[in-house]
PDB file of N, CA and C in Angstrom:
ATOM      1  N   MET A   1     183.781  13.847  84.528  1.00  0.00           N
ATOM      2  CA  MET A   1     182.505  13.596  83.854  1.00  0.00           C
ATOM      3  C   MET A   1     181.461  13.159  84.853  1.00  0.00           C
ATOM      4  N   PRO A   2     180.234  13.698  84.774  1.00  0.00           N
ATOM      5  CA  PRO A   2     179.207  13.290  85.733  1.00  0.00           C
ATOM      6  C   PRO A   2     178.620  11.913  85.389  1.00  0.00           C
ATOM      7  N   ILE A   3     178.058  11.308  86.413  1.00  0.00           N
ATOM      8  CA  ILE A   3     177.355  10.021  86.244  1.00  0.00           C
ATOM      9  C   ILE A   3     175.861  10.382  86.241  1.00  0.00           C
ATOM     10  N   TYR A   4     175.163   9.989  85.190  1.00  0.00           N
ATOM     11  CA  TYR A   4     173.719  10.224  85.092  1.00  0.00           C
ATOM     12  C   TYR A   4     172.973   8.931  85.400  1.00  0.00           C
ATOM     13  N   VAL A   5     171.794   9.093  86.041  1.00  0.00           N
ATOM     14  CA  VAL A   5     170.950   7.954  86.354  1.00  0.00           C
ATOM     15  C   VAL A   5     169.785   7.941  85.401  1.00  0.00           C
ATOM     16  N   TYR A   6     169.515   6.761  84.825  1.00  0.00           N
ATOM     17  CA  TYR A   6     168.401   6.578  83.882  1.00  0.00           C
ATOM     18  C   TYR A   6     167.537   5.458  84.407  1.00  0.00           C
ATOM     19  N   GLU A   7     166.261   5.472  84.007  1.00  0.00           N
ATOM     20  CA  GLU A   7     165.395   4.359  84.263  1.00  0.00           C
ATOM     21  C   GLU A   7     164.610   3.990  83.007  1.00  0.00           C
ATOM     22  N   GLU A   8     164.432   2.682  82.828  1.00  0.00           N
ATOM     23  CA  GLU A   8     163.619   2.207  81.663  1.00  0.00           C
ATOM     24  C   GLU A   8     162.187   2.594  81.827  1.00  0.00           C
ATOM     25  N   ILE A   9     161.507   2.818  80.768  1.00  0.00           N
ATOM     26  CA  ILE A   9     160.037   3.014  80.795  1.00  0.00           C
ATOM     27  C   ILE A   9     159.426   1.763  80.167  1.00  0.00           C
ATOM     28  N   LEU A  10     158.725   1.008  80.955  1.00  0.00           N
ATOM     29  CA  LEU A  10     158.123  -0.213  80.478  1.00  0.00           C
ATOM     30  C   LEU A  10     156.873   0.084  79.655  1.00  0.00           C
ATOM     31  N   GLU A  11     156.384  -0.949  78.958  1.00  0.00           N
ATOM     32  CA  GLU A  11     155.232  -0.737  78.036  1.00  0.00           C
ATOM     33  C   GLU A  11     154.030  -0.152  78.728  1.00  0.00           C
ATOM     34  N   ASP A  12     153.795  -0.478  80.004  1.00  0.00           N
ATOM     35  CA  ASP A  12     152.631   0.070  80.695  1.00  0.00           C
ATOM     36  C   ASP A  12     152.889   1.424  81.327  1.00  0.00           C
ATOM     37  N   GLY A  13     154.092   1.992  81.057  1.00  0.00           N
ATOM     38  CA  GLY A  13     154.465   3.308  81.578  1.00  0.00           C
ATOM     39  C   GLY A  13     155.091   3.290  82.954  1.00  0.00           C
ATOM     40  N   THR A  14     155.217   2.151  83.589  1.00  0.00           N
ATOM     41  CA  THR A  14     155.833   2.054  84.909  1.00  0.00           C
ATOM     42  C   THR A  14     157.341   2.034  84.734  1.00  0.00           C
ATOM     43  N   PRO A  15     158.064   2.450  85.810  1.00  0.00           N
ATOM     44  CA  PRO A  15     159.530   2.459  85.743  1.00  0.00           C
ATOM     45  C   PRO A  15     160.050   1.017  85.748  1.00  0.00           C
ATOM     46  N   GLY A  16     161.167   0.839  85.011  1.00  0.00           N
ATOM     47  CA  GLY A  16     161.822  -0.446  84.966  1.00  0.00           C
ATOM     48  C   GLY A  16     163.199  -0.364  85.611  1.00  0.00           C
ATOM     49  N   GLU A  17     164.148  -0.997  84.992  1.00  0.00           N
ATOM     50  CA  GLU A  17     165.541  -1.056  85.508  1.00  0.00           C
ATOM     51  C   GLU A  17     166.104   0.365  85.635  1.00  0.00           C
ATOM     52  N   VAL A  18     166.814   0.622  86.735  1.00  0.00           N
ATOM     53  CA  VAL A  18     167.547   1.861  86.943  1.00  0.00           C
ATOM     54  C   VAL A  18     169.018   1.590  86.744  1.00  0.00           C
ATOM     55  N   PHE A  19     169.697   2.450  85.975  1.00  0.00           N
ATOM     56  CA  PHE A  19     171.123   2.216  85.717  1.00  0.00           C
ATOM     57  C   PHE A  19     171.844   3.569  85.620  1.00  0.00           C
ATOM     58  N   GLU A  20     173.136   3.524  85.731  1.00  0.00           N
ATOM     59  CA  GLU A  20     173.960   4.720  85.697  1.00  0.00           C
ATOM     60  C   GLU A  20     174.829   4.725  84.439  1.00  0.00           C
ATOM     61  N   VAL A  21     175.085   5.932  83.908  1.00  0.00           N
ATOM     62  CA  VAL A  21     175.913   6.056  82.726  1.00  0.00           C
ATOM     63  C   VAL A  21     176.852   7.262  82.934  1.00  0.00           C
ATOM     64  N   LEU A  22     178.122   7.053  82.675  1.00  0.00           N
ATOM     65  CA  LEU A  22     179.121   8.114  82.717  1.00  0.00           C
ATOM     66  C   LEU A  22     179.094   8.865  81.400  1.00  0.00           C
ATOM     67  N   GLN A  23     178.679  10.131  81.387  1.00  0.00           N
ATOM     68  CA  GLN A  23     178.577  10.901  80.187  1.00  0.00           C
ATOM     69  C   GLN A  23     179.168  12.292  80.374  1.00  0.00           C
ATOM     70  N   ARG A  24     179.535  12.900  79.275  1.00  0.00           N
ATOM     71  CA  ARG A  24     179.967  14.285  79.317  1.00  0.00           C
ATOM     72  C   ARG A  24     178.743  15.177  79.443  1.00  0.00           C
ATOM     73  N   MET A  25     178.878  16.351  79.973  1.00  0.00           N
ATOM     74  CA  MET A  25     177.733  17.260  80.167  1.00  0.00           C
ATOM     75  C   MET A  25     177.138  17.727  78.833  1.00  0.00           C
ATOM     76  N   VAL A  26     177.975  17.729  77.795  1.00  0.00           N
ATOM     77  CA  VAL A  26     177.504  18.204  76.486  1.00  0.00           C
ATOM     78  C   VAL A  26     176.834  17.098  75.709  1.00  0.00           C
ATOM     79  N   ASP A  27     176.930  15.841  76.160  1.00  0.00           N
ATOM     80  CA  ASP A  27     176.251  14.718  75.471  1.00  0.00           C
ATOM     81  C   ASP A  27     174.744  14.810  75.583  1.00  0.00           C
ATOM     82  N   GLU A  28     174.054  14.424  74.558  1.00  0.00           N
ATOM     83  CA  GLU A  28     172.570  14.397  74.598  1.00  0.00           C
ATOM     84  C   GLU A  28     172.137  13.289  75.552  1.00  0.00           C
ATOM     85  N   ALA A  29     170.972  13.507  76.166  1.00  0.00           N
ATOM     86  CA  ALA A  29     170.394  12.478  77.043  1.00  0.00           C
ATOM     87  C   ALA A  29     170.074  11.195  76.213  1.00  0.00           C
ATOM     88  N   MET A  30     170.265  10.041  76.845  1.00  0.00           N
ATOM     89  CA  MET A  30     169.950   8.800  76.142  1.00  0.00           C
ATOM     90  C   MET A  30     168.430   8.674  76.009  1.00  0.00           C
ATOM     91  N   LEU A  31     168.022   8.047  74.908  1.00  0.00           N
ATOM     92  CA  LEU A  31     166.609   7.832  74.641  1.00  0.00           C
ATOM     93  C   LEU A  31     166.180   6.354  74.796  1.00  0.00           C
ATOM     94  N   THR A  32     167.161   5.461  74.650  1.00  0.00           N
ATOM     95  CA  THR A  32     166.902   4.050  74.739  1.00  0.00           C
ATOM     96  C   THR A  32     167.962   3.353  75.575  1.00  0.00           C
ATOM     97  N   HIS A  33     167.549   2.210  76.164  1.00  0.00           N
ATOM     98  CA  HIS A  33     168.480   1.406  76.982  1.00  0.00           C
ATOM     99  C   HIS A  33     169.563   0.840  76.044  1.00  0.00           C
ATOM    100  N   PRO A  34     170.835   0.914  76.443  1.00  0.00           N
ATOM    101  CA  PRO A  34     171.856   0.398  75.541  1.00  0.00           C
ATOM    102  C   PRO A  34     171.776  -1.084  75.251  1.00  0.00           C
ATOM    103  N   LYS A  35     171.158  -1.907  76.107  1.00  0.00           N
ATOM    104  CA  LYS A  35     171.095  -3.344  75.852  1.00  0.00           C
ATOM    105  C   LYS A  35     169.713  -3.787  75.370  1.00  0.00           C
ATOM    106  N   SER A  36     168.661  -3.311  76.058  1.00  0.00           N
ATOM    107  CA  SER A  36     167.307  -3.798  75.754  1.00  0.00           C
ATOM    108  C   SER A  36     166.634  -3.004  74.623  1.00  0.00           C
ATOM    109  N   GLY A  37     167.073  -1.753  74.417  1.00  0.00           N
ATOM    110  CA  GLY A  37     166.455  -0.909  73.386  1.00  0.00           C
ATOM    111  C   GLY A  37     165.155  -0.277  73.844  1.00  0.00           C
ATOM    112  N   ARG A  38     164.721  -0.515  75.098  1.00  0.00           N
ATOM    113  CA  ARG A  38     163.503   0.087  75.605  1.00  0.00           C
ATOM    114  C   ARG A  38     163.730   1.595  75.823  1.00  0.00           C
ATOM    115  N   PRO A  39     162.662   2.379  75.808  1.00  0.00           N
ATOM    116  CA  PRO A  39     162.806   3.823  76.058  1.00  0.00           C
ATOM    117  C   PRO A  39     163.263   4.065  77.506  1.00  0.00           C
ATOM    118  N   VAL A  40     164.004   5.133  77.709  1.00  0.00           N
ATOM    119  CA  VAL A  40     164.517   5.457  79.021  1.00  0.00           C
ATOM    120  C   VAL A  40     164.287   6.961  79.270  1.00  0.00           C
ATOM    121  N   ARG A  41     164.333   7.355  80.540  1.00  0.00           N
ATOM    122  CA  ARG A  41     164.286   8.756  80.914  1.00  0.00           C
ATOM    123  C   ARG A  41     165.395   9.012  81.955  1.00  0.00           C
ATOM    124  N   ARG A  42     165.939  10.193  81.933  1.00  0.00           N
ATOM    125  CA  ARG A  42     166.957  10.598  82.891  1.00  0.00           C
ATOM    126  C   ARG A  42     166.264  10.927  84.210  1.00  0.00           C
ATOM    127  N   VAL A  43     166.804  10.415  85.329  1.00  0.00           N
ATOM    128  CA  VAL A  43     166.278  10.670  86.626  1.00  0.00           C
ATOM    129  C   VAL A  43     167.102  11.755  87.278  1.00  0.00           C
ATOM    130  N   LEU A  44     166.450  12.819  87.728  1.00  0.00           N
ATOM    131  CA  LEU A  44     167.181  13.919  88.371  1.00  0.00           C
ATOM    132  C   LEU A  44     167.633  13.468  89.728  1.00  0.00           C
ATOM    133  N   GLN A  45     168.888  13.782  90.032  1.00  0.00           N
ATOM    134  CA  GLN A  45     169.536  13.399  91.290  1.00  0.00           C
ATOM    135  C   GLN A  45     170.099  14.678  91.935  1.00  0.00           C
ATOM    136  N   PRO A  46     170.129  14.756  93.292  1.00  0.00           N
ATOM    137  CA  PRO A  46     170.794  15.910  93.891  1.00  0.00           C
ATOM    138  C   PRO A  46     172.294  15.835  93.606  1.00  0.00           C
ATOM    139  N   PRO A  47     172.938  16.981  93.521  1.00  0.00           N
ATOM    140  CA  PRO A  47     174.381  16.965  93.258  1.00  0.00           C
ATOM    141  C   PRO A  47     175.113  16.351  94.439  1.00  0.00           C
ATOM    142  N   SER A  48     176.194  15.717  94.127  1.00  0.00           N
ATOM    143  CA  SER A  48     177.055  15.141  95.154  1.00  0.00           C
ATOM    144  C   SER A  48     178.185  16.075  95.413  1.00  0.00           C
ATOM    145  N   ILE A  49     178.040  16.881  96.447  1.00  0.00           N
ATOM    146  CA  ILE A  49     179.100  17.850  96.786  1.00  0.00           C
ATOM    147  C   ILE A  49     179.672  17.471  98.148  1.00  0.00           C
ATOM    148  N   PRO A  50     180.932  17.067  98.191  1.00  0.00           N
ATOM    149  CA  PRO A  50     181.485  16.670  99.479  1.00  0.00           C
ATOM    150  C   PRO A  50     181.741  17.878 100.373  1.00  0.00           C
ATOM    151  N   PHE A  51     181.364  17.698 101.622  1.00  0.00           N
ATOM    152  CA  PHE A  51     181.640  18.726 102.633  1.00  0.00           C
ATOM    153  C   PHE A  51     182.478  18.092 103.719  1.00  0.00           C
ATOM    154  N   LYS A  52     183.429  18.836 104.213  1.00  0.00           N
ATOM    155  CA  LYS A  52     184.232  18.332 105.316  1.00  0.00           C
ATOM    156  C   LYS A  52     183.519  18.670 106.603  1.00  0.00           C
ATOM    157  N   SER A  53     183.381  17.693 107.519  1.00  0.00           N
ATOM    158  CA  SER A  53     182.820  17.986 108.814  1.00  0.00           C
ATOM    159  C   SER A  53     183.957  18.057 109.798  1.00  0.00           C
ATOM    160  N   GLY A  54     183.884  19.054 110.625  1.00  0.00           N
ATOM    161  CA  GLY A  54     184.963  19.227 111.606  1.00  0.00           C
ATOM    162  C   GLY A  54     186.130  19.934 110.950  1.00  0.00           C
ATOM    163  N   GLY A  55     187.199  20.008 111.665  1.00  0.00           N
ATOM    164  CA  GLY A  55     188.399  20.682 111.153  1.00  0.00           C
ATOM    165  C   GLY A  55     188.291  22.168 111.304  1.00  0.00           C
ATOM    166  N   PRO A  56     189.377  22.873 111.026  1.00  0.00           N
ATOM    167  CA  PRO A  56     189.377  24.311 111.243  1.00  0.00           C
ATOM    168  C   PRO A  56     188.425  25.093 110.373  1.00  0.00           C
ATOM    169  N   SER A  57     188.150  24.655 109.145  1.00  0.00           N
ATOM    170  CA  SER A  57     187.300  25.392 108.261  1.00  0.00           C
ATOM    171  C   SER A  57     185.851  25.393 108.759  1.00  0.00           C
ATOM    172  N   ALA A  58     185.410  24.271 109.329  1.00  0.00           N
ATOM    173  CA  ALA A  58     184.061  24.160 109.871  1.00  0.00           C
ATOM    174  C   ALA A  58     183.885  25.073 111.074  1.00  0.00           C
ATOM    175  N   LYS A  59     184.926  25.170 111.896  1.00  0.00           N
ATOM    176  CA  LYS A  59     184.825  26.010 113.095  1.00  0.00           C
ATOM    177  C   LYS A  59     184.746  27.481 112.715  1.00  0.00           C
ATOM    178  N   THR A  60     185.494  27.900 111.726  1.00  0.00           N
ATOM    179  CA  THR A  60     185.481  29.310 111.365  1.00  0.00           C
ATOM    180  C   THR A  60     184.248  29.698 110.581  1.00  0.00           C
ATOM    181  N   SER A  61     183.580  28.734 109.924  1.00  0.00           N
ATOM    182  CA  SER A  61     182.378  29.096 109.154  1.00  0.00           C
ATOM    183  C   SER A  61     181.225  29.410 110.078  1.00  0.00           C
ATOM    184  N   LEU A  62     181.232  28.956 111.329  1.00  0.00           N
ATOM    185  CA  LEU A  62     180.182  29.246 112.311  1.00  0.00           C
ATOM    186  C   LEU A  62     180.690  30.230 113.373  1.00  0.00           C
ATOM    187  N   ASP A  63     181.724  30.951 113.072  1.00  0.00           N
ATOM    188  CA  ASP A  63     182.279  31.955 113.995  1.00  0.00           C
ATOM    189  C   ASP A  63     181.229  33.022 114.286  1.00  0.00           C
ATOM    190  N   ASP A  64     181.041  33.416 115.573  1.00  0.00           N
ATOM    191  CA  ASP A  64     180.032  34.395 115.951  1.00  0.00           C
ATOM    192  C   ASP A  64     180.138  35.674 115.152  1.00  0.00           C
ATOM    193  N   GLY A  65     181.371  36.166 114.988  1.00  0.00           N
ATOM    194  CA  GLY A  65     181.571  37.417 114.223  1.00  0.00           C
ATOM    195  C   GLY A  65     181.091  37.323 112.790  1.00  0.00           C
ATOM    196  N   LYS A  66     181.363  36.198 112.164  1.00  0.00           N
ATOM    197  CA  LYS A  66     180.956  35.978 110.765  1.00  0.00           C
ATOM    198  C   LYS A  66     179.433  35.863 110.679  1.00  0.00           C
ATOM    199  N   LEU A  67     178.838  35.150 111.624  1.00  0.00           N
ATOM    200  CA  LEU A  67     177.375  35.006 111.609  1.00  0.00           C
ATOM    201  C   LEU A  67     176.704  36.353 111.753  1.00  0.00           C
ATOM    202  N   ALA A  68     177.173  37.188 112.694  1.00  0.00           N
ATOM    203  CA  ALA A  68     176.607  38.513 112.903  1.00  0.00           C
ATOM    204  C   ALA A  68     176.775  39.356 111.664  1.00  0.00           C
ATOM    205  N   ARG A  69     177.913  39.323 111.076  1.00  0.00           N
ATOM    206  CA  ARG A  69     178.203  40.137 109.901  1.00  0.00           C
ATOM    207  C   ARG A  69     177.276  39.766 108.734  1.00  0.00           C
ATOM    208  N   LEU A  70     176.923  38.479 108.655  1.00  0.00           N
ATOM    209  CA  LEU A  70     176.051  38.010 107.589  1.00  0.00           C
ATOM    210  C   LEU A  70     174.565  38.127 107.927  1.00  0.00           C
ATOM    211  N   GLY A  71     174.246  38.622 109.101  1.00  0.00           N
ATOM    212  CA  GLY A  71     172.873  38.889 109.497  1.00  0.00           C
ATOM    213  C   GLY A  71     172.146  37.711 110.138  1.00  0.00           C
ATOM    214  N   PHE A  72     172.876  36.729 110.644  1.00  0.00           N
ATOM    215  CA  PHE A  72     172.263  35.584 111.284  1.00  0.00           C
ATOM    216  C   PHE A  72     172.164  35.832 112.786  1.00  0.00           C
ATOM    217  N   THR A  73     171.221  35.126 113.422  1.00  0.00           N
ATOM    218  CA  THR A  73     171.124  35.140 114.886  1.00  0.00           C
ATOM    219  C   THR A  73     171.411  33.743 115.379  1.00  0.00           C
ATOM    220  N   LYS A  74     172.247  33.651 116.399  1.00  0.00           N
ATOM    221  CA  LYS A  74     172.623  32.352 116.945  1.00  0.00           C
ATOM    222  C   LYS A  74     172.181  32.278 118.382  1.00  0.00           C
ATOM    223  N   TYR A  75     171.481  31.156 118.757  1.00  0.00           N
ATOM    224  CA  TYR A  75     171.075  30.920 120.107  1.00  0.00           C
ATOM    225  C   TYR A  75     171.798  29.673 120.613  1.00  0.00           C
ATOM    226  N   GLN A  76     172.124  29.703 121.922  1.00  0.00           N
ATOM    227  CA  GLN A  76     172.765  28.584 122.571  1.00  0.00           C
ATOM    228  C   GLN A  76     171.902  28.064 123.676  1.00  0.00           C
ATOM    229  N   LYS A  77     171.826  26.747 123.803  1.00  0.00           N
ATOM    230  CA  LYS A  77     170.982  26.167 124.846  1.00  0.00           C
ATOM    231  C   LYS A  77     171.606  26.318 126.205  1.00  0.00           C
ATOM    232  N   ALA A  78     170.812  26.848 127.144  1.00  0.00           N
ATOM    233  CA  ALA A  78     171.257  27.008 128.539  1.00  0.00           C
ATOM    234  C   ALA A  78     170.901  25.729 129.293  1.00  0.00           C
ATOM    235  N   SER A  79     171.399  25.573 130.489  1.00  0.00           N
ATOM    236  CA  SER A  79     171.200  24.350 131.247  1.00  0.00           C
ATOM    237  C   SER A  79     169.741  24.127 131.634  1.00  0.00           C
ATOM    238  N   ASP A  80     168.946  25.138 131.734  1.00  0.00           N
ATOM    239  CA  ASP A  80     167.560  24.998 132.132  1.00  0.00           C
ATOM    240  C   ASP A  80     166.612  24.811 130.924  1.00  0.00           C
ATOM    241  N   GLY A  81     167.142  24.540 129.745  1.00  0.00           N
ATOM    242  CA  GLY A  81     166.323  24.304 128.577  1.00  0.00           C
ATOM    243  C   GLY A  81     165.949  25.515 127.796  1.00  0.00           C
ATOM    244  N   ARG A  82     166.348  26.690 128.245  1.00  0.00           N
ATOM    245  CA  ARG A  82     166.084  27.914 127.513  1.00  0.00           C
ATOM    246  C   ARG A  82     167.220  28.117 126.506  1.00  0.00           C
ATOM    247  N   TYR A  83     166.975  28.978 125.535  1.00  0.00           N
ATOM    248  CA  TYR A  83     167.969  29.338 124.551  1.00  0.00           C
ATOM    249  C   TYR A  83     168.309  30.821 124.677  1.00  0.00           C
ATOM    250  N   GLU A  84     169.580  31.100 124.900  1.00  0.00           N
ATOM    251  CA  GLU A  84     170.044  32.478 125.053  1.00  0.00           C
ATOM    252  C   GLU A  84     170.702  32.937 123.782  1.00  0.00           C
ATOM    253  N   LYS A  85     170.413  34.191 123.404  1.00  0.00           N
ATOM    254  CA  LYS A  85     171.007  34.738 122.181  1.00  0.00           C
ATOM    255  C   LYS A  85     172.499  34.933 122.385  1.00  0.00           C
ATOM    256  N   ALA A  86     173.303  34.389 121.475  1.00  0.00           N
ATOM    257  CA  ALA A  86     174.751  34.547 121.538  1.00  0.00           C
ATOM    258  C   ALA A  86     175.191  35.675 120.612  1.00  0.00           C
ATOM    259  N   VAL A  87     174.505  35.868 119.509  1.00  0.00           N
ATOM    260  CA  VAL A  87     174.875  36.895 118.531  1.00  0.00           C
ATOM    261  C   VAL A  87     173.689  37.179 117.643  1.00  0.00           C
ATOM    262  N   GLY A  88     173.614  38.401 117.135  1.00  0.00           N
ATOM    263  CA  GLY A  88     172.564  38.772 116.185  1.00  0.00           C
ATOM    264  C   GLY A  88     171.446  39.581 116.810  1.00  0.00           C
ATOM    265  N   THR A  89     170.363  39.691 116.084  1.00  0.00           N
ATOM    266  CA  THR A  89     169.198  40.439 116.593  1.00  0.00           C
ATOM    267  C   THR A  89     168.096  39.494 116.982  1.00  0.00           C
ATOM    268  N   GLY A  90     167.103  39.992 117.676  1.00  0.00           N
ATOM    269  CA  GLY A  90     165.989  39.142 118.115  1.00  0.00           C
ATOM    270  C   GLY A  90     165.919  39.109 119.622  1.00  0.00           C
ATOM    271  N   PRO A  91     164.962  38.358 120.154  1.00  0.00           N
ATOM    272  CA  PRO A  91     164.841  38.276 121.594  1.00  0.00           C
ATOM    273  C   PRO A  91     166.052  37.704 122.259  1.00  0.00           C
ATOM    274  N   ASP A  92     166.368  38.178 123.446  1.00  0.00           N
ATOM    275  CA  ASP A  92     167.565  37.728 124.180  1.00  0.00           C
ATOM    276  C   ASP A  92     167.393  36.288 124.686  1.00  0.00           C
ATOM    277  N   LEU A  93     166.133  35.847 124.845  1.00  0.00           N
ATOM    278  CA  LEU A  93     165.870  34.546 125.455  1.00  0.00           C
ATOM    279  C   LEU A  93     164.677  33.888 124.763  1.00  0.00           C
ATOM    280  N   LEU A  94     164.790  32.588 124.499  1.00  0.00           N
ATOM    281  CA  LEU A  94     163.692  31.798 123.959  1.00  0.00           C
ATOM    282  C   LEU A  94     163.401  30.679 124.967  1.00  0.00           C
ATOM    283  N   LYS A  95     162.107  30.459 125.208  1.00  0.00           N
ATOM    284  CA  LYS A  95     161.751  29.418 126.176  1.00  0.00           C
ATOM    285  C   LYS A  95     160.724  28.469 125.509  1.00  0.00           C
ATOM    286  N   ARG A  96     160.981  27.171 125.632  1.00  0.00           N
ATOM    287  CA  ARG A  96     160.102  26.147 125.026  1.00  0.00           C
ATOM    288  C   ARG A  96     158.717  26.283 125.604  1.00  0.00           C
ATOM    289  N   GLY A  97     157.695  26.165 124.698  1.00  0.00           N
ATOM    290  CA  GLY A  97     156.318  26.281 125.131  1.00  0.00           C
ATOM    291  C   GLY A  97     155.812  27.699 125.059  1.00  0.00           C
ATOM    292  N   VAL A  98     156.701  28.663 125.054  1.00  0.00           N
ATOM    293  CA  VAL A  98     156.293  30.060 124.974  1.00  0.00           C
ATOM    294  C   VAL A  98     156.650  30.598 123.583  1.00  0.00           C
ATOM    295  N   ASP A  99     157.924  30.463 123.209  1.00  0.00           N
ATOM    296  CA  ASP A  99     158.413  30.999 121.943  1.00  0.00           C
ATOM    297  C   ASP A  99     158.447  29.988 120.810  1.00  0.00           C
ATOM    298  N   PHE A 100     158.515  28.702 121.095  1.00  0.00           N
ATOM    299  CA  PHE A 100     158.522  27.694 120.058  1.00  0.00           C
ATOM    300  C   PHE A 100     158.007  26.404 120.597  1.00  0.00           C
TER     301      PHE A 100
END
């Protein structure tokens, strides 16, 4: 079940207390604070989707062959500050101050 964030709406229209409620997705949005009875509104939050950093799946997701197949261009920084194309289409070389 998702956790929804709500905030009270005070008499002057400003936001009040912010609180979280564990609700089913099919439940109606709350209209009043469960303790104070003041009106509330649901606050939109970005979804919490865990991503693994590192490990074998992260390495294969940025594989040059996969990037090229999906139409991406990958540049790698060279020692002199230029960026050389590793895979994809576009200029073979990017130089700071000229290209970006």
